Amino acid sequence: MSPVRAILWDADGVLQHPPSGWNWRAELERVGGPGFSDIVFEAELPSLRGEEPMRDALARLLFEHPHTPLEADDLIGLWEMTDVDPSAMALVDDLRRRGMACHLATNQQDHRRAWMRDVLGYDRHFDRVYYSCEMGVVKPDRRFFEIILDDLGLAPDQVGLIDDNAKNVASAQALGIRALRHSPAEGVNGLRALLEVMLASSE
């Protein structure tokens, strides 16, 4: 088995989390009523693939649900409700200083990508960044990972993935990527433990 030469990092649930006590679904249900969160997340999918701006998707959704007392600009601000875990990001920075390539691999639509890139400064922490809206495909589709492997020019077993979504992990593992699932509740100590397992298996 080849040594791991690059690690792919998911963002939500791994490197960033909602503010304490804040819940995406609960907030969407509060402003739009029961079932509204499912409607919103379904409307977001084309934007996650880069097929349309997220603001346009929300404007259309709100037009179709006029009972919701919001404008698209109000609703889109909910995607800025996230806090970067400084300890987790410091772990990424330390790995890069030690010579391990680290790449962001995340499902995001255009508004959230801009927020993460321009406000949170994500891109400067990674060697390469892979946002689904720029790739035209969303995890757990295997093509998401195939595009990254092709871009990196690495064999699957030379690449690791840390993600909190079981379907994403399974899809990557099916290609031979050394993918491990992270539990957000375990924080940075959980990330360190996963890295020890991942890197030890490649020695």
N, C-alpha and C. Protein backbone atom coordinates (compact mmCIF):
# COMPACT_ATOMS: atom_id res chain seq x y z
N MET A 1 0.85 -1.19 0.00
CA MET A 1 0.00 0.00 0.00
C MET A 1 0.88 1.24 0.00
N SER A 2 0.55 2.20 -0.86
CA SER A 2 1.35 3.41 -0.99
C SER A 2 1.14 4.35 0.19
N PRO A 3 2.16 5.16 0.49
CA PRO A 3 1.98 6.17 1.55
C PRO A 3 0.93 7.20 1.14
N VAL A 4 0.21 7.74 2.11
CA VAL A 4 -0.73 8.82 1.85
C VAL A 4 0.06 10.07 1.50
N ARG A 5 -0.27 10.65 0.36
CA ARG A 5 0.43 11.85 -0.09
C ARG A 5 -0.43 13.09 -0.05
N ALA A 6 -1.73 12.92 0.13
CA ALA A 6 -2.64 14.07 0.19
C ALA A 6 -3.87 13.70 1.00
N ILE A 7 -4.40 14.68 1.72
CA ILE A 7 -5.61 14.47 2.50
C ILE A 7 -6.67 15.45 2.03
N LEU A 8 -7.86 14.91 1.77
CA LEU A 8 -9.01 15.72 1.42
C LEU A 8 -9.81 16.01 2.69
N TRP A 9 -10.17 17.26 2.86
CA TRP A 9 -10.91 17.67 4.05
C TRP A 9 -12.29 18.18 3.68
N ASP A 10 -13.31 17.59 4.29
CA ASP A 10 -14.65 18.16 4.20
C ASP A 10 -14.69 19.41 5.08
N ALA A 11 -15.67 20.27 4.86
CA ALA A 11 -15.77 21.50 5.65
C ALA A 11 -16.81 21.37 6.76
N ASP A 12 -18.09 21.34 6.39
CA ASP A 12 -19.17 21.31 7.38
C ASP A 12 -19.16 20.02 8.18
N GLY A 13 -19.14 20.16 9.49
CA GLY A 13 -19.10 19.00 10.37
C GLY A 13 -17.69 18.52 10.67
N VAL A 14 -16.71 19.09 9.98
CA VAL A 14 -15.31 18.70 10.20
C VAL A 14 -14.49 19.92 10.61
N LEU A 15 -14.46 20.93 9.77
CA LEU A 15 -13.67 22.13 10.03
C LEU A 15 -14.52 23.31 10.49
N GLN A 16 -15.80 23.25 10.23
CA GLN A 16 -16.69 24.33 10.67
C GLN A 16 -18.03 23.75 11.12
N HIS A 17 -18.69 24.50 12.00
CA HIS A 17 -19.91 24.01 12.64
C HIS A 17 -20.87 25.16 12.85
N PRO A 18 -22.18 24.88 12.94
CA PRO A 18 -23.13 25.94 13.27
C PRO A 18 -22.83 26.51 14.65
N PRO A 19 -23.20 27.77 14.89
CA PRO A 19 -23.02 28.32 16.23
C PRO A 19 -23.72 27.46 17.28
N SER A 20 -23.21 27.49 18.48
CA SER A 20 -23.77 26.69 19.56
C SER A 20 -25.25 26.98 19.75
N GLY A 21 -26.05 25.93 19.76
CA GLY A 21 -27.48 26.08 19.98
C GLY A 21 -28.27 26.40 18.73
N TRP A 22 -27.59 26.56 17.61
CA TRP A 22 -28.28 26.92 16.36
C TRP A 22 -28.43 25.68 15.49
N ASN A 23 -29.59 25.52 14.89
CA ASN A 23 -29.87 24.35 14.08
C ASN A 23 -30.47 24.77 12.74
N TRP A 24 -29.84 24.30 11.65
CA TRP A 24 -30.28 24.67 10.31
C TRP A 24 -31.76 24.36 10.10
N ARG A 25 -32.11 23.11 10.30
CA ARG A 25 -33.48 22.69 10.02
C ARG A 25 -34.49 23.41 10.91
N ALA A 26 -34.17 23.55 12.16
CA ALA A 26 -35.09 24.22 13.08
C ALA A 26 -35.32 25.66 12.67
N GLU A 27 -34.27 26.34 12.22
CA GLU A 27 -34.41 27.74 11.82
C GLU A 27 -35.23 27.87 10.55
N LEU A 28 -34.99 26.97 9.59
CA LEU A 28 -35.76 27.00 8.35
C LEU A 28 -37.23 26.69 8.61
N GLU A 29 -37.49 25.75 9.50
CA GLU A 29 -38.87 25.42 9.84
C GLU A 29 -39.53 26.58 10.58
N ARG A 30 -38.75 27.31 11.34
CA ARG A 30 -39.31 28.45 12.08
C ARG A 30 -39.76 29.54 11.12
N VAL A 31 -38.97 29.82 10.10
CA VAL A 31 -39.31 30.91 9.20
C VAL A 31 -40.27 30.49 8.09
N GLY A 32 -40.28 29.21 7.75
CA GLY A 32 -41.10 28.77 6.62
C GLY A 32 -42.18 27.77 6.94
N GLY A 33 -42.20 27.27 8.17
CA GLY A 33 -43.21 26.30 8.55
C GLY A 33 -42.75 24.88 8.37
N PRO A 34 -43.54 23.92 8.85
CA PRO A 34 -43.18 22.50 8.77
C PRO A 34 -42.89 22.06 7.33
N GLY A 35 -41.81 21.32 7.17
CA GLY A 35 -41.43 20.82 5.85
C GLY A 35 -40.64 21.78 5.00
N PHE A 36 -40.49 23.02 5.48
CA PHE A 36 -39.81 24.04 4.65
C PHE A 36 -38.33 23.71 4.46
N SER A 37 -37.71 23.10 5.47
CA SER A 37 -36.28 22.79 5.34
C SER A 37 -36.03 21.81 4.21
N ASP A 38 -36.88 20.80 4.06
CA ASP A 38 -36.71 19.84 2.97
C ASP A 38 -36.86 20.53 1.62
N ILE A 39 -37.79 21.46 1.52
CA ILE A 39 -38.01 22.19 0.28
C ILE A 39 -36.77 23.03 -0.07
N VAL A 40 -36.21 23.67 0.93
CA VAL A 40 -35.03 24.52 0.70
C VAL A 40 -33.83 23.69 0.27
N PHE A 41 -33.58 22.59 0.96
CA PHE A 41 -32.41 21.78 0.63
C PHE A 41 -32.55 21.14 -0.76
N GLU A 42 -33.77 20.81 -1.14
CA GLU A 42 -33.98 20.29 -2.49
C GLU A 42 -33.73 21.38 -3.53
N ALA A 43 -34.19 22.60 -3.24
CA ALA A 43 -33.97 23.72 -4.16
C ALA A 43 -32.49 24.08 -4.27
N GLU A 44 -31.71 23.75 -3.25
CA GLU A 44 -30.29 24.10 -3.24
C GLU A 44 -29.46 23.19 -4.16
N LEU A 45 -29.94 22.00 -4.45
CA LEU A 45 -29.13 21.01 -5.17
C LEU A 45 -28.57 21.52 -6.50
N PRO A 46 -29.38 22.15 -7.37
CA PRO A 46 -28.79 22.66 -8.62
C PRO A 46 -27.67 23.66 -8.38
N SER A 47 -27.81 24.47 -7.34
CA SER A 47 -26.76 25.44 -7.02
C SER A 47 -25.50 24.76 -6.50
N LEU A 48 -25.67 23.67 -5.77
CA LEU A 48 -24.51 22.91 -5.31
C LEU A 48 -23.73 22.34 -6.49
N ARG A 49 -24.43 22.07 -7.60
CA ARG A 49 -23.77 21.58 -8.81
C ARG A 49 -23.31 22.71 -9.71
N GLY A 50 -23.56 23.95 -9.31
CA GLY A 50 -23.13 25.10 -10.11
C GLY A 50 -24.03 25.40 -11.28
N GLU A 51 -25.27 24.92 -11.25
CA GLU A 51 -26.18 25.10 -12.38
C GLU A 51 -26.92 26.42 -12.35
N GLU A 52 -27.01 27.05 -11.18
CA GLU A 52 -27.64 28.36 -11.07
C GLU A 52 -27.19 29.01 -9.77
N PRO A 53 -27.22 30.36 -9.70
CA PRO A 53 -26.87 31.03 -8.44
C PRO A 53 -27.86 30.67 -7.35
N MET A 54 -27.36 30.56 -6.14
CA MET A 54 -28.21 30.21 -5.01
C MET A 54 -29.28 31.26 -4.78
N ARG A 55 -28.94 32.52 -4.98
CA ARG A 55 -29.93 33.58 -4.78
C ARG A 55 -31.11 33.42 -5.73
N ASP A 56 -30.84 33.01 -6.96
CA ASP A 56 -31.92 32.79 -7.93
C ASP A 56 -32.81 31.61 -7.49
N ALA A 57 -32.17 30.56 -6.99
CA ALA A 57 -32.93 29.40 -6.53
C ALA A 57 -33.86 29.78 -5.38
N LEU A 58 -33.36 30.60 -4.46
CA LEU A 58 -34.19 31.01 -3.32
C LEU A 58 -35.30 31.95 -3.75
N ALA A 59 -35.01 32.84 -4.69
CA ALA A 59 -36.04 33.76 -5.17
C ALA A 59 -37.19 32.98 -5.81
N ARG A 60 -36.87 31.96 -6.57
CA ARG A 60 -37.90 31.15 -7.19
C ARG A 60 -38.69 30.38 -6.12
N LEU A 61 -37.98 29.84 -5.16
CA LEU A 61 -38.65 29.09 -4.09
C LEU A 61 -39.61 29.99 -3.32
N LEU A 62 -39.19 31.19 -3.00
CA LEU A 62 -40.03 32.10 -2.23
C LEU A 62 -41.23 32.58 -3.04
N PHE A 63 -41.04 32.70 -4.35
CA PHE A 63 -42.17 33.05 -5.22
C PHE A 63 -43.22 31.95 -5.20
N GLU A 64 -42.75 30.71 -5.14
CA GLU A 64 -43.67 29.57 -5.12
C GLU A 64 -44.29 29.35 -3.74
N HIS A 65 -43.70 29.98 -2.70
CA HIS A 65 -44.23 29.85 -1.34
C HIS A 65 -44.40 31.26 -0.75
N PRO A 66 -45.38 31.99 -1.24
CA PRO A 66 -45.54 33.40 -0.86
C PRO A 66 -45.89 33.61 0.61
N HIS A 67 -46.26 32.55 1.32
CA HIS A 67 -46.57 32.69 2.74
C HIS A 67 -45.33 32.95 3.58
N THR A 68 -44.14 32.70 3.02
CA THR A 68 -42.90 32.89 3.76
C THR A 68 -42.54 34.37 3.75
N PRO A 69 -42.51 35.04 4.91
CA PRO A 69 -42.31 36.49 4.96
C PRO A 69 -40.84 36.91 4.86
N LEU A 70 -40.17 36.47 3.80
CA LEU A 70 -38.75 36.76 3.64
C LEU A 70 -38.44 37.08 2.19
N GLU A 71 -37.34 37.77 1.98
CA GLU A 71 -36.78 37.96 0.65
C GLU A 71 -35.60 37.00 0.51
N ALA A 72 -35.16 36.78 -0.72
CA ALA A 72 -34.04 35.87 -0.95
C ALA A 72 -32.80 36.32 -0.20
N ASP A 73 -32.56 37.64 -0.14
CA ASP A 73 -31.38 38.13 0.56
C ASP A 73 -31.44 37.86 2.06
N ASP A 74 -32.65 37.78 2.60
CA ASP A 74 -32.78 37.45 4.02
C ASP A 74 -32.46 35.97 4.25
N LEU A 75 -33.02 35.14 3.41
CA LEU A 75 -32.87 33.70 3.59
C LEU A 75 -31.44 33.23 3.33
N ILE A 76 -30.78 33.84 2.35
CA ILE A 76 -29.44 33.37 1.98
C ILE A 76 -28.43 33.62 3.10
N GLY A 77 -28.75 34.58 3.96
CA GLY A 77 -27.85 34.85 5.08
C GLY A 77 -27.72 33.70 6.05
N LEU A 78 -28.68 32.76 6.02
CA LEU A 78 -28.59 31.61 6.91
C LEU A 78 -27.37 30.75 6.59
N TRP A 79 -26.91 30.80 5.34
CA TRP A 79 -25.75 29.99 4.96
C TRP A 79 -24.43 30.61 5.44
N GLU A 80 -24.53 31.76 6.09
CA GLU A 80 -23.35 32.36 6.70
C GLU A 80 -23.26 32.03 8.19
N MET A 81 -24.22 31.26 8.66
CA MET A 81 -24.25 30.89 10.08
C MET A 81 -23.34 29.69 10.31
N THR A 82 -22.06 29.96 10.42
CA THR A 82 -21.10 28.88 10.67
C THR A 82 -19.87 29.45 11.35
N ASP A 83 -19.28 28.66 12.19
CA ASP A 83 -18.06 29.05 12.90
C ASP A 83 -16.95 28.07 12.55
N VAL A 84 -15.83 28.61 12.10
CA VAL A 84 -14.66 27.77 11.83
C VAL A 84 -14.06 27.33 13.16
N ASP A 85 -13.70 26.05 13.24
CA ASP A 85 -13.02 25.52 14.42
C ASP A 85 -11.54 25.85 14.30
N PRO A 86 -11.03 26.80 15.10
CA PRO A 86 -9.63 27.21 14.94
C PRO A 86 -8.65 26.08 15.22
N SER A 87 -9.00 25.18 16.13
CA SER A 87 -8.11 24.06 16.44
C SER A 87 -8.01 23.10 15.26
N ALA A 88 -9.15 22.86 14.61
CA ALA A 88 -9.14 21.98 13.44
C ALA A 88 -8.35 22.60 12.30
N MET A 89 -8.53 23.89 12.09
CA MET A 89 -7.79 24.55 11.01
C MET A 89 -6.30 24.60 11.32
N ALA A 90 -5.96 24.77 12.59
CA ALA A 90 -4.55 24.76 12.98
C ALA A 90 -3.93 23.39 12.70
N LEU A 91 -4.72 22.34 12.85
CA LEU A 91 -4.24 20.99 12.56
C LEU A 91 -3.92 20.85 11.07
N VAL A 92 -4.77 21.40 10.23
CA VAL A 92 -4.51 21.39 8.79
C VAL A 92 -3.23 22.16 8.49
N ASP A 93 -3.12 23.34 9.06
CA ASP A 93 -1.93 24.17 8.82
C ASP A 93 -0.65 23.45 9.25
N ASP A 94 -0.72 22.76 10.38
CA ASP A 94 0.45 22.04 10.89
C ASP A 94 0.84 20.90 9.96
N LEU A 95 -0.15 20.16 9.46
CA LEU A 95 0.13 19.08 8.52
C LEU A 95 0.83 19.60 7.27
N ARG A 96 0.37 20.73 6.77
CA ARG A 96 0.99 21.30 5.56
C ARG A 96 2.43 21.73 5.84
N ARG A 97 2.67 22.31 7.02
CA ARG A 97 4.04 22.70 7.37
C ARG A 97 4.96 21.49 7.43
N ARG A 98 4.39 20.33 7.77
CA ARG A 98 5.18 19.11 7.87
C ARG A 98 5.29 18.39 6.51
N GLY A 99 4.70 18.99 5.47
CA GLY A 99 4.89 18.46 4.13
C GLY A 99 3.74 17.64 3.57
N MET A 100 2.62 17.54 4.31
CA MET A 100 1.48 16.79 3.81
C MET A 100 0.56 17.73 3.02
N ALA A 101 0.27 17.39 1.80
CA ALA A 101 -0.65 18.18 0.99
C ALA A 101 -2.07 18.04 1.55
N CYS A 102 -2.74 19.16 1.73
CA CYS A 102 -4.11 19.17 2.24
C CYS A 102 -5.00 19.94 1.28
N HIS A 103 -6.12 19.32 0.91
CA HIS A 103 -7.03 19.92 -0.07
C HIS A 103 -8.44 19.95 0.50
N LEU A 104 -9.13 21.04 0.24
CA LEU A 104 -10.53 21.17 0.64
C LEU A 104 -11.40 20.46 -0.39
N ALA A 105 -12.35 19.64 0.06
CA ALA A 105 -13.25 18.91 -0.84
C ALA A 105 -14.65 18.98 -0.24
N THR A 106 -15.47 19.93 -0.74
CA THR A 106 -16.71 20.24 -0.04
C THR A 106 -17.86 20.55 -0.99
N ASN A 107 -19.05 20.17 -0.59
CA ASN A 107 -20.27 20.53 -1.32
C ASN A 107 -20.69 21.94 -0.89
N GLN A 108 -20.65 22.88 -1.82
CA GLN A 108 -21.05 24.25 -1.52
C GLN A 108 -21.65 24.90 -2.76
N GLN A 109 -22.66 25.75 -2.57
CA GLN A 109 -23.16 26.57 -3.66
C GLN A 109 -22.38 27.89 -3.73
N ASP A 110 -22.68 28.69 -4.75
CA ASP A 110 -21.85 29.86 -5.05
C ASP A 110 -21.80 30.88 -3.91
N HIS A 111 -22.92 31.10 -3.23
CA HIS A 111 -22.91 32.09 -2.15
C HIS A 111 -22.02 31.62 -1.00
N ARG A 112 -22.16 30.37 -0.63
CA ARG A 112 -21.38 29.84 0.49
C ARG A 112 -19.91 29.74 0.12
N ARG A 113 -19.63 29.37 -1.12
CA ARG A 113 -18.24 29.34 -1.57
C ARG A 113 -17.60 30.72 -1.42
N ALA A 114 -18.30 31.76 -1.86
CA ALA A 114 -17.76 33.12 -1.75
C ALA A 114 -17.57 33.52 -0.29
N TRP A 115 -18.51 33.14 0.57
CA TRP A 115 -18.39 33.44 2.00
C TRP A 115 -17.18 32.74 2.60
N MET A 116 -17.01 31.48 2.29
CA MET A 116 -15.89 30.73 2.83
C MET A 116 -14.56 31.23 2.28
N ARG A 117 -14.55 31.60 1.02
CA ARG A 117 -13.32 32.04 0.37
C ARG A 117 -12.94 33.46 0.77
N ASP A 118 -13.89 34.38 0.71
CA ASP A 118 -13.56 35.79 0.88
C ASP A 118 -13.65 36.28 2.31
N VAL A 119 -14.54 35.68 3.10
CA VAL A 119 -14.73 36.14 4.48
C VAL A 119 -13.99 35.23 5.47
N LEU A 120 -14.16 33.93 5.32
CA LEU A 120 -13.53 32.99 6.25
C LEU A 120 -12.08 32.65 5.86
N GLY A 121 -11.70 32.97 4.64
CA GLY A 121 -10.31 32.78 4.22
C GLY A 121 -9.88 31.33 4.04
N TYR A 122 -10.82 30.49 3.64
CA TYR A 122 -10.53 29.06 3.53
C TYR A 122 -9.39 28.73 2.57
N ASP A 123 -9.40 29.35 1.42
CA ASP A 123 -8.49 28.90 0.36
C ASP A 123 -7.01 28.99 0.75
N ARG A 124 -6.67 29.93 1.61
CA ARG A 124 -5.27 30.09 1.96
C ARG A 124 -4.75 28.97 2.87
N HIS A 125 -5.66 28.16 3.40
CA HIS A 125 -5.25 27.07 4.29
C HIS A 125 -5.01 25.76 3.54
N PHE A 126 -5.25 25.75 2.24
CA PHE A 126 -5.19 24.50 1.48
C PHE A 126 -4.33 24.64 0.23
N ASP A 127 -3.76 23.50 -0.17
CA ASP A 127 -2.97 23.49 -1.39
C ASP A 127 -3.87 23.63 -2.62
N ARG A 128 -4.99 22.92 -2.62
CA ARG A 128 -5.99 23.04 -3.68
C ARG A 128 -7.37 23.00 -3.04
N VAL A 129 -8.33 23.62 -3.72
CA VAL A 129 -9.70 23.66 -3.18
C VAL A 129 -10.66 23.12 -4.23
N TYR A 130 -11.59 22.28 -3.77
CA TYR A 130 -12.58 21.66 -4.65
C TYR A 130 -13.96 21.94 -4.08
N TYR A 131 -14.64 22.90 -4.69
CA TYR A 131 -16.02 23.23 -4.33
C TYR A 131 -16.93 22.59 -5.37
N SER A 132 -17.98 21.93 -4.91
CA SER A 132 -18.85 21.20 -5.83
C SER A 132 -19.44 22.11 -6.91
N CYS A 133 -19.75 23.37 -6.56
CA CYS A 133 -20.36 24.26 -7.53
C CYS A 133 -19.40 24.63 -8.66
N GLU A 134 -18.10 24.45 -8.44
CA GLU A 134 -17.12 24.69 -9.50
C GLU A 134 -16.83 23.40 -10.27
N MET A 135 -17.16 22.26 -9.67
CA MET A 135 -16.86 20.97 -10.29
C MET A 135 -18.03 20.42 -11.10
N GLY A 136 -19.25 20.90 -10.79
CA GLY A 136 -20.43 20.42 -11.50
C GLY A 136 -20.95 19.09 -11.01
N VAL A 137 -20.52 18.67 -9.85
CA VAL A 137 -20.94 17.38 -9.30
C VAL A 137 -20.85 17.45 -7.78
N VAL A 138 -21.74 16.71 -7.12
CA VAL A 138 -21.89 16.78 -5.66
C VAL A 138 -21.58 15.43 -5.03
N LYS A 139 -20.82 15.45 -3.93
CA LYS A 139 -20.68 14.23 -3.14
C LYS A 139 -22.07 13.77 -2.71
N PRO A 140 -22.33 12.46 -2.68
CA PRO A 140 -21.39 11.33 -2.75
C PRO A 140 -21.16 10.76 -4.15
N ASP A 141 -21.55 11.46 -5.20
CA ASP A 141 -21.30 10.96 -6.55
C ASP A 141 -19.81 10.64 -6.72
N ARG A 142 -19.50 9.45 -7.19
CA ARG A 142 -18.11 9.03 -7.33
C ARG A 142 -17.32 9.94 -8.27
N ARG A 143 -18.03 10.60 -9.19
CA ARG A 143 -17.34 11.49 -10.13
C ARG A 143 -16.67 12.65 -9.40
N PHE A 144 -17.23 13.05 -8.27
CA PHE A 144 -16.61 14.11 -7.46
C PHE A 144 -15.18 13.73 -7.12
N PHE A 145 -15.02 12.51 -6.65
CA PHE A 145 -13.69 12.05 -6.24
C PHE A 145 -12.82 11.70 -7.45
N GLU A 146 -13.41 11.20 -8.50
CA GLU A 146 -12.64 10.88 -9.69
C GLU A 146 -12.02 12.13 -10.30
N ILE A 147 -12.76 13.23 -10.30
CA ILE A 147 -12.23 14.50 -10.80
C ILE A 147 -11.03 14.94 -9.98
N ILE A 148 -11.14 14.80 -8.66
CA ILE A 148 -10.04 15.21 -7.78
C ILE A 148 -8.82 14.33 -7.99
N LEU A 149 -9.02 13.02 -8.07
CA LEU A 149 -7.89 12.12 -8.28
C LEU A 149 -7.18 12.43 -9.59
N ASP A 150 -7.97 12.70 -10.62
CA ASP A 150 -7.37 13.03 -11.91
C ASP A 150 -6.59 14.33 -11.84
N ASP A 151 -7.14 15.32 -11.14
CA ASP A 151 -6.45 16.60 -11.02
C ASP A 151 -5.16 16.48 -10.22
N LEU A 152 -5.19 15.66 -9.17
CA LEU A 152 -4.00 15.50 -8.34
C LEU A 152 -2.97 14.57 -8.98
N GLY A 153 -3.41 13.71 -9.89
CA GLY A 153 -2.50 12.75 -10.50
C GLY A 153 -2.02 11.70 -9.52
N LEU A 154 -2.89 11.35 -8.57
CA LEU A 154 -2.52 10.37 -7.55
C LEU A 154 -3.41 9.14 -7.64
N ALA A 155 -2.88 8.01 -7.20
CA ALA A 155 -3.68 6.80 -7.09
C ALA A 155 -4.61 6.93 -5.89
N PRO A 156 -5.76 6.27 -5.91
CA PRO A 156 -6.70 6.39 -4.80
C PRO A 156 -6.09 6.09 -3.43
N ASP A 157 -5.23 5.07 -3.35
CA ASP A 157 -4.69 4.71 -2.04
C ASP A 157 -3.61 5.67 -1.56
N GLN A 158 -3.28 6.67 -2.39
CA GLN A 158 -2.35 7.72 -1.97
C GLN A 158 -3.09 8.94 -1.39
N VAL A 159 -4.42 8.83 -1.36
CA VAL A 159 -5.25 9.96 -0.92
C VAL A 159 -6.12 9.54 0.25
N GLY A 160 -6.20 10.41 1.26
CA GLY A 160 -7.09 10.19 2.39
C GLY A 160 -8.23 11.19 2.35
N LEU A 161 -9.33 10.87 3.01
CA LEU A 161 -10.47 11.76 3.13
C LEU A 161 -11.00 11.72 4.55
N ILE A 162 -11.29 12.90 5.10
CA ILE A 162 -11.97 12.99 6.38
C ILE A 162 -13.27 13.74 6.14
N ASP A 163 -14.38 13.06 6.42
CA ASP A 163 -15.71 13.59 6.12
C ASP A 163 -16.67 13.10 7.22
N ASP A 164 -17.68 13.89 7.52
CA ASP A 164 -18.63 13.47 8.55
C ASP A 164 -19.83 12.73 7.99
N ASN A 165 -19.93 12.64 6.66
CA ASN A 165 -21.09 12.01 6.02
C ASN A 165 -20.76 10.58 5.61
N ALA A 166 -21.53 9.63 6.12
CA ALA A 166 -21.24 8.22 5.87
C ALA A 166 -21.32 7.88 4.38
N LYS A 167 -22.25 8.46 3.66
CA LYS A 167 -22.38 8.18 2.23
C LYS A 167 -21.17 8.68 1.45
N ASN A 168 -20.66 9.85 1.84
CA ASN A 168 -19.46 10.38 1.17
C ASN A 168 -18.26 9.48 1.42
N VAL A 169 -18.14 9.03 2.66
CA VAL A 169 -17.03 8.15 3.02
C VAL A 169 -17.11 6.84 2.25
N ALA A 170 -18.30 6.26 2.18
CA ALA A 170 -18.47 4.99 1.46
C ALA A 170 -18.16 5.14 -0.02
N SER A 171 -18.58 6.24 -0.63
CA SER A 171 -18.32 6.47 -2.04
C SER A 171 -16.82 6.57 -2.31
N ALA A 172 -16.12 7.30 -1.45
CA ALA A 172 -14.67 7.44 -1.61
C ALA A 172 -13.96 6.10 -1.37
N GLN A 173 -14.39 5.37 -0.37
CA GLN A 173 -13.77 4.07 -0.09
C GLN A 173 -13.95 3.11 -1.25
N ALA A 174 -15.09 3.18 -1.93
CA ALA A 174 -15.35 2.29 -3.06
C ALA A 174 -14.35 2.51 -4.19
N LEU A 175 -13.77 3.70 -4.24
CA LEU A 175 -12.76 4.01 -5.26
C LEU A 175 -11.36 3.64 -4.78
N GLY A 176 -11.23 3.30 -3.51
CA GLY A 176 -9.92 2.97 -2.96
C GLY A 176 -9.28 4.08 -2.17
N ILE A 177 -9.99 5.20 -2.01
CA ILE A 177 -9.49 6.30 -1.19
C ILE A 177 -9.56 5.90 0.28
N ARG A 178 -8.59 6.30 1.05
CA ARG A 178 -8.56 5.97 2.47
C ARG A 178 -9.43 6.96 3.24
N ALA A 179 -10.71 6.74 3.16
CA ALA A 179 -11.69 7.65 3.74
C ALA A 179 -12.10 7.20 5.13
N LEU A 180 -12.19 8.16 6.05
CA LEU A 180 -12.61 7.89 7.42
C LEU A 180 -13.69 8.89 7.81
N ARG A 181 -14.64 8.40 8.58
CA ARG A 181 -15.74 9.25 9.01
C ARG A 181 -15.43 9.92 10.34
N HIS A 182 -15.67 11.22 10.38
CA HIS A 182 -15.46 12.01 11.60
C HIS A 182 -16.79 12.31 12.26
N SER A 183 -16.85 12.16 13.57
CA SER A 183 -18.02 12.56 14.34
C SER A 183 -17.80 13.98 14.85
N PRO A 184 -18.63 14.93 14.44
CA PRO A 184 -18.43 16.32 14.86
C PRO A 184 -18.30 16.50 16.36
N ALA A 185 -18.99 15.67 17.12
CA ALA A 185 -18.96 15.79 18.58
C ALA A 185 -17.58 15.51 19.16
N GLU A 186 -16.72 14.82 18.40
CA GLU A 186 -15.40 14.45 18.91
C GLU A 186 -14.36 15.55 18.71
N GLY A 187 -14.71 16.59 17.95
CA GLY A 187 -13.83 17.74 17.83
C GLY A 187 -12.45 17.43 17.28
N VAL A 188 -11.50 18.30 17.63
CA VAL A 188 -10.16 18.18 17.07
C VAL A 188 -9.45 16.91 17.57
N ASN A 189 -9.76 16.45 18.77
CA ASN A 189 -9.14 15.21 19.26
C ASN A 189 -9.56 14.03 18.39
N GLY A 190 -10.80 14.04 17.95
CA GLY A 190 -11.26 13.00 17.04
C GLY A 190 -10.54 13.07 15.71
N LEU A 191 -10.29 14.27 15.23
CA LEU A 191 -9.56 14.44 13.97
C LEU A 191 -8.13 13.91 14.10
N ARG A 192 -7.50 14.21 15.22
CA ARG A 192 -6.13 13.72 15.43
C ARG A 192 -6.10 12.19 15.45
N ALA A 193 -7.09 11.59 16.09
CA ALA A 193 -7.14 10.13 16.16
C ALA A 193 -7.32 9.53 14.77
N LEU A 194 -8.17 10.13 13.96
CA LEU A 194 -8.37 9.64 12.59
C LEU A 194 -7.10 9.76 11.77
N LEU A 195 -6.40 10.87 11.93
CA LEU A 195 -5.16 11.06 11.18
C LEU A 195 -4.11 10.02 11.58
N GLU A 196 -4.06 9.69 12.86
CA GLU A 196 -3.10 8.68 13.32
C GLU A 196 -3.38 7.35 12.66
N VAL A 197 -4.65 6.99 12.58
CA VAL A 197 -5.04 5.72 11.93
C VAL A 197 -4.71 5.78 10.44
N MET A 198 -5.08 6.87 9.81
CA MET A 198 -4.87 7.00 8.36
C MET A 198 -3.40 6.96 7.99
N LEU A 199 -2.59 7.71 8.69
CA LEU A 199 -1.18 7.81 8.34
C LEU A 199 -0.40 6.57 8.78
N ALA A 200 -0.81 5.95 9.89
CA ALA A 200 -0.14 4.73 10.34
C ALA A 200 -0.36 3.60 9.33
N SER A 201 -1.53 3.56 8.72
CA SER A 201 -1.84 2.49 7.77
C SER A 201 -1.07 2.61 6.46
N SER A 202 -0.43 3.77 6.26
CA SER A 202 0.29 3.97 5.01
C SER A 202 1.80 3.84 5.19
N GLU A 203 2.24 3.55 6.40
CA GLU A 203 3.68 3.45 6.66
C GLU A 203 4.23 2.12 6.17
